[in-house]
Amino acid sequence: MTIQKRSFFLSVVKLALAVLLVGLATAIPAAASHTTDASLEPATIIETEVTADCEQASDSEACVDRLSTCPAMANLCGIAMYSSFMALNCPKTCNTCPPPSAPPACQDHENCAQWVANGFCSNPFYTVEQKRQYCPNACNLCDRPALTSYQMYEKS
């Protein structure tokens, strides 16, 4: 085979491969006819802030979908290939929320008595979160809604 014939043959093979690849690429969306228009929309991440006091957070607060498209993708929940992705991003839709954990104990730190004697609970320098973390009983923060540091100072 001459160099010209070989070059022509390779060009034809490359062209045939390109046509084949383009054909496959355009056929893939048609083969995936089980998708809905809603599942083709870009997903938006839903930012949520989950907070918990000494009381346990309710299931509706703790278990939320991270993507706005979760309801449209609910059919993927039971498919093994997507189970990890769906459990992470759509736990509410797929009913894969972790069981509620025990509420945190409202116990004071071993040094809390000394800190309270030094004004820990009434000092606005410390945040309510810090007071809740170290001396929730002594600062009367168990089973109560959170107060701001200013409100805490005013009550003392």
Protein backbone atom coordinates (compact mmCIF):
# COMPACT_ATOMS: atom_id res chain seq x y z
CA MET A 1 0.00 0.00 0.00
CA THR A 2 1.40 3.37 -0.94
CA ILE A 3 1.72 6.25 1.47
CA GLN A 4 -1.06 8.20 -0.29
CA LYS A 5 -3.48 5.25 -0.14
CA ARG A 6 -2.59 4.61 3.49
CA SER A 7 -3.13 8.27 4.40
CA PHE A 8 -6.48 8.29 2.58
CA PHE A 9 -7.53 5.05 4.32
CA LEU A 10 -6.64 6.49 7.77
CA SER A 11 -8.60 9.66 7.00
CA VAL A 12 -11.67 7.61 6.07
CA VAL A 13 -11.34 5.54 9.27
CA LYS A 14 -11.02 8.70 11.40
CA LEU A 15 -14.07 10.22 9.71
CA ALA A 16 -16.09 7.04 10.26
CA LEU A 17 -15.12 6.99 13.95
CA ALA A 18 -16.06 10.65 14.34
CA VAL A 19 -19.47 10.04 12.73
CA LEU A 20 -19.99 7.01 14.97
CA LEU A 21 -19.08 8.95 18.12
CA VAL A 22 -21.34 11.87 17.20
CA GLY A 23 -24.16 9.42 16.53
CA LEU A 24 -23.66 7.78 19.92
CA ALA A 25 -23.48 11.11 21.71
CA THR A 26 -26.77 12.28 20.22
CA ALA A 27 -28.47 8.93 20.83
CA ILE A 28 -27.73 8.85 24.57
CA PRO A 29 -30.38 11.41 25.62
CA ALA A 30 -33.00 9.57 23.54
CA ALA A 31 -32.11 6.29 25.25
CA ALA A 32 -32.59 7.89 28.66
CA SER A 33 -36.29 8.50 28.05
CA HIS A 34 -37.11 7.75 31.70
CA THR A 35 -35.85 11.18 32.76
CA THR A 36 -38.32 13.97 33.32
CA ASP A 37 -37.98 17.61 32.45
CA ALA A 38 -37.72 18.42 36.16
CA SER A 39 -34.72 16.15 36.62
CA LEU A 40 -32.87 17.92 33.79
CA GLU A 41 -33.01 21.29 35.51
CA PRO A 42 -29.86 22.29 37.38
CA ALA A 43 -30.12 21.49 41.06
CA THR A 44 -29.80 24.22 43.61
CA ILE A 45 -28.24 23.55 46.97
CA ILE A 46 -30.56 24.34 49.83
CA GLU A 47 -28.61 25.92 52.65
CA THR A 48 -30.02 25.14 56.05
CA GLU A 49 -28.94 25.96 59.54
CA VAL A 50 -29.59 23.19 62.00
CA THR A 51 -29.46 24.19 65.64
CA ALA A 52 -30.19 22.27 68.80
CA ASP A 53 -30.56 23.33 72.39
CA CYS A 54 -30.43 21.00 75.36
CA GLU A 55 -33.57 19.51 73.89
CA GLN A 56 -33.48 17.15 70.93
CA ALA A 57 -34.07 18.67 67.50
CA SER A 58 -37.20 17.48 65.75
CA ASP A 59 -36.90 15.12 62.79
CA SER A 60 -38.15 17.80 60.41
CA GLU A 61 -35.30 20.13 61.41
CA ALA A 62 -32.53 17.55 61.45
CA CYS A 63 -33.43 15.68 58.25
CA VAL A 64 -33.55 17.87 55.16
CA ASP A 65 -32.84 17.42 51.46
CA ARG A 66 -29.76 19.29 50.28
CA LEU A 67 -30.94 19.59 46.65
CA SER A 68 -34.09 21.22 45.34
CA THR A 69 -34.49 18.45 42.73
CA CYS A 70 -34.79 15.59 45.25
CA PRO A 71 -38.56 15.10 44.84
CA ALA A 72 -38.13 14.78 41.06
CA MET A 73 -35.34 12.21 41.56
CA ALA A 74 -37.21 10.11 44.14
CA ASN A 75 -37.24 7.14 41.74
CA LEU A 76 -33.45 6.88 42.19
CA CYS A 77 -33.70 6.22 45.94
CA GLY A 78 -33.96 2.45 45.60
CA ILE A 79 -31.33 2.03 42.88
CA ALA A 80 -28.05 0.71 44.32
CA MET A 81 -25.94 2.74 41.89
CA TYR A 82 -27.35 6.00 43.29
CA SER A 83 -27.99 5.00 46.92
CA SER A 84 -24.93 6.74 48.41
CA PHE A 85 -25.54 9.95 46.48
CA MET A 86 -29.24 10.00 47.30
CA ALA A 87 -28.74 9.17 50.99
CA LEU A 88 -26.27 12.05 51.31
CA ASN A 89 -28.19 14.66 49.30
CA CYS A 90 -31.85 13.59 49.58
CA PRO A 91 -32.30 11.85 52.96
CA LYS A 92 -35.79 13.25 53.57
CA THR A 93 -37.09 12.22 50.13
CA CYS A 94 -35.52 8.74 50.38
CA ASN A 95 -36.46 8.20 54.05
CA THR A 96 -32.82 7.51 54.92
CA CYS A 97 -32.49 9.93 57.81
CA PRO A 98 -30.38 8.67 60.68
CA PRO A 99 -32.31 7.74 63.81
CA PRO A 100 -32.57 10.57 66.32
CA SER A 101 -29.70 10.63 68.75
CA ALA A 102 -30.09 10.98 72.47
CA PRO A 103 -30.32 14.59 73.59
CA PRO A 104 -27.07 15.96 74.96
CA ALA A 105 -26.82 15.74 78.71
CA CYS A 106 -27.18 19.02 80.52
CA GLN A 107 -24.24 18.45 82.83
CA ASP A 108 -21.87 21.03 84.19
CA HIS A 109 -18.12 20.80 83.68
CA GLU A 110 -16.19 19.66 86.76
CA ASN A 111 -14.77 23.19 87.24
CA CYS A 112 -18.11 24.92 86.76
CA ALA A 113 -18.70 25.73 90.45
CA GLN A 114 -15.48 27.76 90.54
CA TRP A 115 -16.29 29.51 87.26
CA VAL A 116 -19.81 30.41 88.44
CA ALA A 117 -18.36 31.79 91.68
CA ASN A 118 -16.18 34.04 89.52
CA GLY A 119 -19.22 35.34 87.57
CA PHE A 120 -19.14 33.08 84.52
CA CYS A 121 -22.94 32.99 84.06
CA SER A 122 -23.44 36.75 84.30
CA ASN A 123 -20.34 37.84 82.37
CA PRO A 124 -21.31 39.12 78.89
CA PHE A 125 -17.79 38.27 77.64
CA TYR A 126 -18.85 34.61 77.39
CA THR A 127 -21.41 33.62 74.77
CA VAL A 128 -24.59 31.75 75.62
CA GLU A 129 -23.19 28.83 73.63
CA GLN A 130 -20.10 28.73 75.87
CA LYS A 131 -22.26 28.93 78.99
CA ARG A 132 -24.46 26.13 77.65
CA GLN A 133 -21.40 24.02 76.84
CA TYR A 134 -19.66 24.34 80.21
CA CYS A 135 -22.26 25.19 82.87
CA PRO A 136 -25.80 24.64 81.54
CA ASN A 137 -27.29 23.65 84.92
CA ALA A 138 -25.55 26.32 86.97
CA CYS A 139 -26.44 29.03 84.45
CA ASN A 140 -30.07 27.79 84.22
CA LEU A 141 -29.84 27.09 80.49
CA CYS A 142 -31.28 23.57 80.33
CA ASP A 143 -34.80 23.21 78.92
CA ARG A 144 -34.95 26.92 78.15
CA PRO A 145 -34.79 28.81 74.89
CA ALA A 146 -31.47 30.43 74.12
CA LEU A 147 -30.87 33.92 75.48
CA THR A 148 -28.46 36.45 74.12
CA SER A 149 -25.44 37.39 76.21
CA TYR A 150 -27.05 40.78 76.82
CA GLN A 151 -30.30 39.20 78.05
CA MET A 152 -28.27 36.89 80.25
CA TYR A 153 -26.44 39.85 81.79
CA GLU A 154 -29.71 41.73 82.37
CA LYS A 155 -31.28 38.74 84.21
CA SER A 156 -28.39 38.47 86.69
